[in-house]
Amino acid sequence: MSTATSRPEYATLLAKTLPAVIHSEKENEHYTALLGELDRRPGKLTTAEQRLAELLTLLIEDFEEKHYSLKASTGIEVLEELIEANGLKQKDLVDIFGTPSIVSEVLSGKRKFTTEHIRKLSRRFHVSPELFF
C-alpha cells in the first residue's frame, strides 16, 4: 500500500486515538495499551498502523524520559549501593583501600578514588571501571 492510499486510513486511526503529548501517568498507560494492541495484532501492520505505532512510541518515550529518567550517580554513590547490595561494611573494603581510614575518607568524599582503587573495585564487584568516574 502506498503512502498516498494509506493517508485516509492513517487519518481515521488518528481520529480514533487522538494522540497528543502525554502529560499524566493515566495518558501514558492509555497510549502504552494502544501500542501493545498494535504489537499483538496478527500479521503485518498496515502502513498507517506502523505510522501510528511510531508516533505512539515517540510520545511514550518522551514522557518516560522526562518522568522516569535516572539521575547520574557519583562513584561514591555507586560504591555505597554496591556495599549495601552485597551486605558489606566499610571494614570489608580495607583490602581494596589499604586502611580503614582511607575507606572512610573515600566514602565521605574527602579523598578521591585512585586508579588502583577503581581497578580493584571493578574486579571485586564485576562492574565496569567507568561506574566510579
N, C-alpha and C. Protein backbone atom coordinates (compact mmCIF):
# COMPACT_ATOMS: atom_id res chain seq x y z
N MET A 1 0.85 -1.17 0.00
CA MET A 1 0.00 0.00 0.00
C MET A 1 0.90 1.24 0.00
N SER A 2 0.61 2.16 -0.87
CA SER A 2 1.44 3.36 -0.95
C SER A 2 1.06 4.34 0.14
N THR A 3 1.92 5.31 0.34
CA THR A 3 1.66 6.33 1.35
C THR A 3 0.40 7.11 1.01
N ALA A 4 0.19 7.37 -0.27
CA ALA A 4 -0.99 8.13 -0.69
C ALA A 4 -2.27 7.40 -0.34
N THR A 5 -2.31 6.09 -0.52
CA THR A 5 -3.52 5.33 -0.23
C THR A 5 -3.68 5.07 1.26
N SER A 6 -2.61 5.19 2.03
CA SER A 6 -2.71 4.95 3.48
C SER A 6 -3.14 6.20 4.24
N ARG A 7 -3.10 7.38 3.59
CA ARG A 7 -3.44 8.62 4.29
C ARG A 7 -4.85 8.60 4.87
N PRO A 8 -5.87 8.19 4.13
CA PRO A 8 -7.20 8.15 4.73
C PRO A 8 -7.26 7.18 5.92
N GLU A 9 -6.61 6.04 5.79
CA GLU A 9 -6.59 5.07 6.89
C GLU A 9 -5.85 5.66 8.09
N TYR A 10 -4.74 6.34 7.86
CA TYR A 10 -3.98 6.95 8.94
C TYR A 10 -4.80 8.04 9.61
N ALA A 11 -5.47 8.86 8.81
CA ALA A 11 -6.32 9.92 9.36
C ALA A 11 -7.42 9.32 10.23
N THR A 12 -7.98 8.21 9.81
CA THR A 12 -9.02 7.54 10.58
C THR A 12 -8.44 7.03 11.91
N LEU A 13 -7.25 6.42 11.85
CA LEU A 13 -6.60 5.94 13.08
C LEU A 13 -6.31 7.11 14.04
N LEU A 14 -5.82 8.20 13.49
CA LEU A 14 -5.52 9.37 14.32
C LEU A 14 -6.80 9.91 14.97
N ALA A 15 -7.87 9.96 14.20
CA ALA A 15 -9.14 10.46 14.73
C ALA A 15 -9.66 9.57 15.86
N LYS A 16 -9.41 8.25 15.75
CA LYS A 16 -9.87 7.32 16.78
C LYS A 16 -9.02 7.41 18.05
N THR A 17 -7.72 7.58 17.89
CA THR A 17 -6.83 7.55 19.05
C THR A 17 -6.52 8.93 19.62
N LEU A 18 -6.61 9.95 18.79
CA LEU A 18 -6.31 11.33 19.21
C LEU A 18 -4.99 11.45 19.97
N PRO A 19 -3.88 10.99 19.38
CA PRO A 19 -2.60 11.06 20.08
C PRO A 19 -2.17 12.52 20.30
N ALA A 20 -1.61 12.75 21.48
CA ALA A 20 -1.13 14.09 21.85
C ALA A 20 0.01 13.92 22.84
N VAL A 21 0.69 15.00 23.13
CA VAL A 21 1.77 14.96 24.11
C VAL A 21 1.20 14.42 25.42
N ILE A 22 1.91 13.50 26.04
CA ILE A 22 1.45 12.84 27.26
C ILE A 22 1.81 13.71 28.47
N HIS A 23 0.80 13.95 29.32
CA HIS A 23 1.02 14.79 30.50
C HIS A 23 0.78 14.06 31.82
N SER A 24 0.22 12.87 31.76
CA SER A 24 -0.07 12.18 33.01
C SER A 24 0.23 10.69 32.88
N GLU A 25 0.32 10.05 34.03
CA GLU A 25 0.55 8.60 34.06
C GLU A 25 -0.61 7.87 33.41
N LYS A 26 -1.82 8.36 33.63
CA LYS A 26 -3.01 7.73 33.03
C LYS A 26 -2.94 7.78 31.51
N GLU A 27 -2.57 8.92 30.95
CA GLU A 27 -2.43 9.04 29.50
C GLU A 27 -1.32 8.11 28.99
N ASN A 28 -0.23 8.04 29.74
CA ASN A 28 0.87 7.16 29.35
C ASN A 28 0.41 5.70 29.31
N GLU A 29 -0.33 5.29 30.32
CA GLU A 29 -0.85 3.92 30.35
C GLU A 29 -1.79 3.66 29.18
N HIS A 30 -2.62 4.65 28.85
CA HIS A 30 -3.55 4.51 27.73
C HIS A 30 -2.79 4.30 26.41
N TYR A 31 -1.81 5.16 26.14
CA TYR A 31 -1.06 5.05 24.89
C TYR A 31 -0.20 3.78 24.86
N THR A 32 0.30 3.38 26.02
CA THR A 32 1.07 2.14 26.09
C THR A 32 0.17 0.95 25.75
N ALA A 33 -1.06 0.98 26.25
CA ALA A 33 -2.02 -0.09 25.93
C ALA A 33 -2.35 -0.11 24.44
N LEU A 34 -2.52 1.07 23.85
CA LEU A 34 -2.79 1.14 22.41
C LEU A 34 -1.63 0.57 21.60
N LEU A 35 -0.43 0.92 22.00
CA LEU A 35 0.76 0.40 21.32
C LEU A 35 0.84 -1.11 21.48
N GLY A 36 0.52 -1.59 22.67
CA GLY A 36 0.50 -3.04 22.92
C GLY A 36 -0.49 -3.75 22.02
N GLU A 37 -1.67 -3.14 21.83
CA GLU A 37 -2.67 -3.73 20.93
C GLU A 37 -2.12 -3.85 19.51
N LEU A 38 -1.43 -2.82 19.06
CA LEU A 38 -0.84 -2.87 17.72
C LEU A 38 0.22 -3.96 17.63
N ASP A 39 1.02 -4.08 18.67
CA ASP A 39 2.08 -5.10 18.68
C ASP A 39 1.52 -6.52 18.66
N ARG A 40 0.37 -6.71 19.28
CA ARG A 40 -0.21 -8.05 19.37
C ARG A 40 -1.03 -8.44 18.14
N ARG A 41 -1.24 -7.52 17.24
CA ARG A 41 -2.04 -7.84 16.05
C ARG A 41 -1.34 -8.92 15.24
N PRO A 42 -2.12 -9.90 14.81
CA PRO A 42 -1.51 -10.94 13.97
C PRO A 42 -1.20 -10.39 12.58
N GLY A 43 -0.16 -10.90 12.02
CA GLY A 43 0.23 -10.46 10.67
C GLY A 43 0.95 -9.13 10.68
N LYS A 44 1.20 -8.66 9.50
CA LYS A 44 1.94 -7.42 9.32
C LYS A 44 1.01 -6.22 9.47
N LEU A 45 1.50 -5.18 10.15
CA LEU A 45 0.72 -3.97 10.30
C LEU A 45 0.64 -3.23 8.97
N THR A 46 -0.46 -2.52 8.77
CA THR A 46 -0.58 -1.68 7.58
C THR A 46 0.38 -0.51 7.73
N THR A 47 0.58 0.21 6.67
CA THR A 47 1.45 1.39 6.71
C THR A 47 0.92 2.40 7.72
N ALA A 48 -0.38 2.59 7.73
CA ALA A 48 -1.00 3.53 8.67
C ALA A 48 -0.79 3.08 10.10
N GLU A 49 -0.95 1.79 10.38
CA GLU A 49 -0.73 1.27 11.73
C GLU A 49 0.72 1.41 12.15
N GLN A 50 1.63 1.19 11.21
CA GLN A 50 3.06 1.37 11.50
C GLN A 50 3.35 2.82 11.87
N ARG A 51 2.78 3.75 11.12
CA ARG A 51 2.99 5.17 11.40
C ARG A 51 2.42 5.55 12.77
N LEU A 52 1.25 5.01 13.10
CA LEU A 52 0.66 5.28 14.40
C LEU A 52 1.53 4.69 15.51
N ALA A 53 2.04 3.49 15.30
CA ALA A 53 2.91 2.85 16.30
C ALA A 53 4.17 3.70 16.51
N GLU A 54 4.73 4.23 15.45
CA GLU A 54 5.91 5.09 15.56
C GLU A 54 5.59 6.34 16.38
N LEU A 55 4.45 6.95 16.09
CA LEU A 55 4.05 8.16 16.81
C LEU A 55 3.82 7.86 18.29
N LEU A 56 3.10 6.79 18.58
CA LEU A 56 2.86 6.42 19.97
C LEU A 56 4.17 6.14 20.70
N THR A 57 5.09 5.47 20.02
CA THR A 57 6.39 5.17 20.62
C THR A 57 7.13 6.45 20.98
N LEU A 58 7.12 7.42 20.08
CA LEU A 58 7.79 8.70 20.37
C LEU A 58 7.14 9.42 21.54
N LEU A 59 5.82 9.43 21.58
CA LEU A 59 5.12 10.10 22.68
C LEU A 59 5.41 9.42 24.02
N ILE A 60 5.39 8.11 24.03
CA ILE A 60 5.66 7.35 25.26
C ILE A 60 7.11 7.55 25.71
N GLU A 61 8.05 7.45 24.77
CA GLU A 61 9.46 7.63 25.11
C GLU A 61 9.71 9.02 25.67
N ASP A 62 9.09 10.03 25.07
CA ASP A 62 9.27 11.40 25.54
C ASP A 62 8.78 11.54 26.98
N PHE A 63 7.58 11.04 27.26
CA PHE A 63 7.04 11.12 28.62
C PHE A 63 7.91 10.37 29.61
N GLU A 64 8.29 9.15 29.27
CA GLU A 64 9.05 8.32 30.20
C GLU A 64 10.46 8.86 30.42
N GLU A 65 11.04 9.44 29.40
CA GLU A 65 12.38 10.04 29.57
C GLU A 65 12.32 11.21 30.55
N LYS A 66 11.26 11.99 30.47
CA LYS A 66 11.11 13.15 31.36
C LYS A 66 10.74 12.74 32.78
N HIS A 67 9.96 11.67 32.93
CA HIS A 67 9.43 11.32 34.24
C HIS A 67 10.13 10.17 34.94
N TYR A 68 10.82 9.34 34.19
CA TYR A 68 11.43 8.16 34.80
C TYR A 68 12.94 8.08 34.63
N SER A 69 13.54 9.10 34.06
CA SER A 69 14.97 9.02 33.81
C SER A 69 15.74 8.98 35.13
N LEU A 70 16.80 8.24 35.12
CA LEU A 70 17.64 8.10 36.30
C LEU A 70 18.67 9.21 36.31
N LYS A 71 18.89 9.77 37.48
CA LYS A 71 19.92 10.80 37.57
C LYS A 71 21.29 10.12 37.59
N ALA A 72 22.26 10.83 37.12
CA ALA A 72 23.62 10.29 37.12
C ALA A 72 24.09 10.10 38.55
N SER A 73 24.80 9.03 38.78
CA SER A 73 25.32 8.74 40.12
C SER A 73 26.81 9.04 40.17
N THR A 74 27.27 9.42 41.35
CA THR A 74 28.70 9.62 41.55
C THR A 74 29.33 8.26 41.83
N GLY A 75 30.63 8.19 41.72
CA GLY A 75 31.34 6.96 42.03
C GLY A 75 31.11 6.52 43.47
N ILE A 76 31.03 7.48 44.38
CA ILE A 76 30.78 7.17 45.79
C ILE A 76 29.39 6.57 45.96
N GLU A 77 28.39 7.15 45.29
CA GLU A 77 27.03 6.61 45.37
C GLU A 77 26.96 5.19 44.82
N VAL A 78 27.69 4.94 43.74
CA VAL A 78 27.74 3.60 43.17
C VAL A 78 28.35 2.64 44.18
N LEU A 79 29.47 3.04 44.78
CA LEU A 79 30.13 2.18 45.75
C LEU A 79 29.22 1.92 46.96
N GLU A 80 28.55 2.95 47.45
CA GLU A 80 27.63 2.77 48.58
C GLU A 80 26.53 1.78 48.24
N GLU A 81 26.01 1.85 47.04
CA GLU A 81 24.97 0.92 46.61
C GLU A 81 25.51 -0.50 46.51
N LEU A 82 26.73 -0.65 45.98
CA LEU A 82 27.35 -1.97 45.89
C LEU A 82 27.62 -2.56 47.28
N ILE A 83 28.03 -1.71 48.21
CA ILE A 83 28.27 -2.16 49.59
C ILE A 83 26.96 -2.68 50.18
N GLU A 84 25.90 -1.90 50.04
CA GLU A 84 24.60 -2.29 50.59
C GLU A 84 24.06 -3.54 49.90
N ALA A 85 24.14 -3.58 48.58
CA ALA A 85 23.59 -4.72 47.82
C ALA A 85 24.31 -6.03 48.15
N ASN A 86 25.57 -5.92 48.55
CA ASN A 86 26.34 -7.12 48.86
C ASN A 86 26.46 -7.38 50.36
N GLY A 87 25.72 -6.61 51.15
CA GLY A 87 25.71 -6.82 52.59
C GLY A 87 27.08 -6.61 53.24
N LEU A 88 27.82 -5.64 52.74
CA LEU A 88 29.17 -5.39 53.25
C LEU A 88 29.18 -4.23 54.22
N LYS A 89 30.29 -4.08 54.91
CA LYS A 89 30.55 -2.95 55.79
C LYS A 89 31.83 -2.29 55.30
N GLN A 90 32.10 -1.08 55.77
CA GLN A 90 33.31 -0.37 55.35
C GLN A 90 34.56 -1.22 55.57
N LYS A 91 34.61 -1.92 56.70
CA LYS A 91 35.80 -2.71 57.02
C LYS A 91 36.07 -3.81 55.98
N ASP A 92 35.02 -4.22 55.25
CA ASP A 92 35.19 -5.26 54.23
C ASP A 92 35.94 -4.75 53.00
N LEU A 93 36.17 -3.44 52.93
CA LEU A 93 36.87 -2.87 51.78
C LEU A 93 38.31 -2.48 52.07
N VAL A 94 38.79 -2.81 53.26
CA VAL A 94 40.17 -2.46 53.63
C VAL A 94 41.16 -3.11 52.66
N ASP A 95 40.87 -4.32 52.20
CA ASP A 95 41.78 -4.98 51.25
C ASP A 95 41.91 -4.20 49.94
N ILE A 96 40.92 -3.39 49.61
CA ILE A 96 40.97 -2.59 48.38
C ILE A 96 41.66 -1.25 48.63
N PHE A 97 41.33 -0.61 49.75
CA PHE A 97 41.82 0.75 50.02
C PHE A 97 43.07 0.81 50.89
N GLY A 98 43.39 -0.27 51.59
CA GLY A 98 44.61 -0.31 52.39
C GLY A 98 44.41 -0.11 53.87
N THR A 99 43.61 0.89 54.25
CA THR A 99 43.38 1.13 55.68
C THR A 99 41.92 1.53 55.88
N PRO A 100 41.40 1.33 57.11
CA PRO A 100 40.03 1.75 57.39
C PRO A 100 39.83 3.26 57.22
N SER A 101 40.86 4.03 57.53
CA SER A 101 40.72 5.49 57.42
C SER A 101 40.58 5.92 55.96
N ILE A 102 41.28 5.25 55.04
CA ILE A 102 41.16 5.60 53.62
C ILE A 102 39.76 5.23 53.12
N VAL A 103 39.25 4.08 53.55
CA VAL A 103 37.88 3.70 53.17
C VAL A 103 36.92 4.80 53.61
N SER A 104 37.05 5.24 54.85
CA SER A 104 36.18 6.27 55.40
C SER A 104 36.31 7.59 54.64
N GLU A 105 37.55 7.98 54.34
CA GLU A 105 37.79 9.24 53.63
C GLU A 105 37.21 9.21 52.22
N VAL A 106 37.34 8.06 51.54
CA VAL A 106 36.78 7.94 50.19
C VAL A 106 35.26 8.03 50.25
N LEU A 107 34.65 7.27 51.16
CA LEU A 107 33.19 7.26 51.25
C LEU A 107 32.61 8.60 51.71
N SER A 108 33.39 9.38 52.44
CA SER A 108 32.91 10.69 52.88
C SER A 108 33.21 11.78 51.84
N GLY A 109 33.93 11.43 50.81
CA GLY A 109 34.25 12.39 49.76
C GLY A 109 35.48 13.23 50.04
N LYS A 110 36.20 12.93 51.10
CA LYS A 110 37.40 13.68 51.44
C LYS A 110 38.60 13.25 50.60
N ARG A 111 38.50 12.07 50.03
CA ARG A 111 39.59 11.54 49.23
C ARG A 111 38.99 10.96 47.95
N LYS A 112 39.71 11.11 46.86
CA LYS A 112 39.24 10.59 45.57
C LYS A 112 39.71 9.16 45.37
N PHE A 113 39.01 8.45 44.49
CA PHE A 113 39.45 7.11 44.10
C PHE A 113 40.77 7.23 43.34
N THR A 114 41.66 6.31 43.57
CA THR A 114 42.87 6.22 42.73
C THR A 114 42.56 5.23 41.61
N THR A 115 43.39 5.20 40.61
CA THR A 115 43.19 4.22 39.53
C THR A 115 43.29 2.79 40.08
N GLU A 116 44.13 2.59 41.06
CA GLU A 116 44.25 1.26 41.67
C GLU A 116 42.98 0.88 42.42
N HIS A 117 42.39 1.84 43.14
CA HIS A 117 41.12 1.58 43.83
C HIS A 117 40.05 1.16 42.81
N ILE A 118 39.97 1.93 41.74
CA ILE A 118 38.96 1.67 40.71
C ILE A 118 39.17 0.30 40.08
N ARG A 119 40.41 -0.04 39.80
CA ARG A 119 40.71 -1.35 39.22
C ARG A 119 40.27 -2.47 40.16
N LYS A 120 40.60 -2.34 41.43
CA LYS A 120 40.26 -3.38 42.41
C LYS A 120 38.74 -3.45 42.64
N LEU A 121 38.08 -2.30 42.71
CA LEU A 121 36.63 -2.28 42.90
C LEU A 121 35.93 -2.93 41.70
N SER A 122 36.41 -2.60 40.53
CA SER A 122 35.84 -3.17 39.31
C SER A 122 35.94 -4.69 39.31
N ARG A 123 37.09 -5.20 39.69
CA ARG A 123 37.28 -6.66 39.76
C ARG A 123 36.42 -7.27 40.86
N ARG A 124 36.41 -6.65 42.01
CA ARG A 124 35.68 -7.21 43.17
C ARG A 124 34.19 -7.33 42.90
N PHE A 125 33.62 -6.28 42.30
CA PHE A 125 32.17 -6.26 42.10
C PHE A 125 31.75 -6.65 40.68
N HIS A 126 32.72 -6.97 39.83
CA HIS A 126 32.45 -7.39 38.45
C HIS A 126 31.63 -6.32 37.70
N VAL A 127 32.08 -5.09 37.79
CA VAL A 127 31.42 -3.96 37.10
C VAL A 127 32.46 -3.21 36.29
N SER A 128 31.97 -2.37 35.40
CA SER A 128 32.85 -1.55 34.59
C SER A 128 33.55 -0.50 35.45
N PRO A 129 34.83 -0.25 35.21
CA PRO A 129 35.53 0.82 35.93
C PRO A 129 34.86 2.18 35.73
N GLU A 130 34.17 2.36 34.61
CA GLU A 130 33.52 3.65 34.31
C GLU A 130 32.53 4.08 35.38
N LEU A 131 31.98 3.13 36.11
CA LEU A 131 31.00 3.46 37.15
C LEU A 131 31.57 4.34 38.25
N PHE A 132 32.88 4.30 38.42
CA PHE A 132 33.50 5.02 39.54
C PHE A 132 34.06 6.37 39.14
N PHE A 133 33.89 6.75 37.90
CA PHE A 133 34.40 8.06 37.44
C PHE A 133 33.32 9.12 37.55
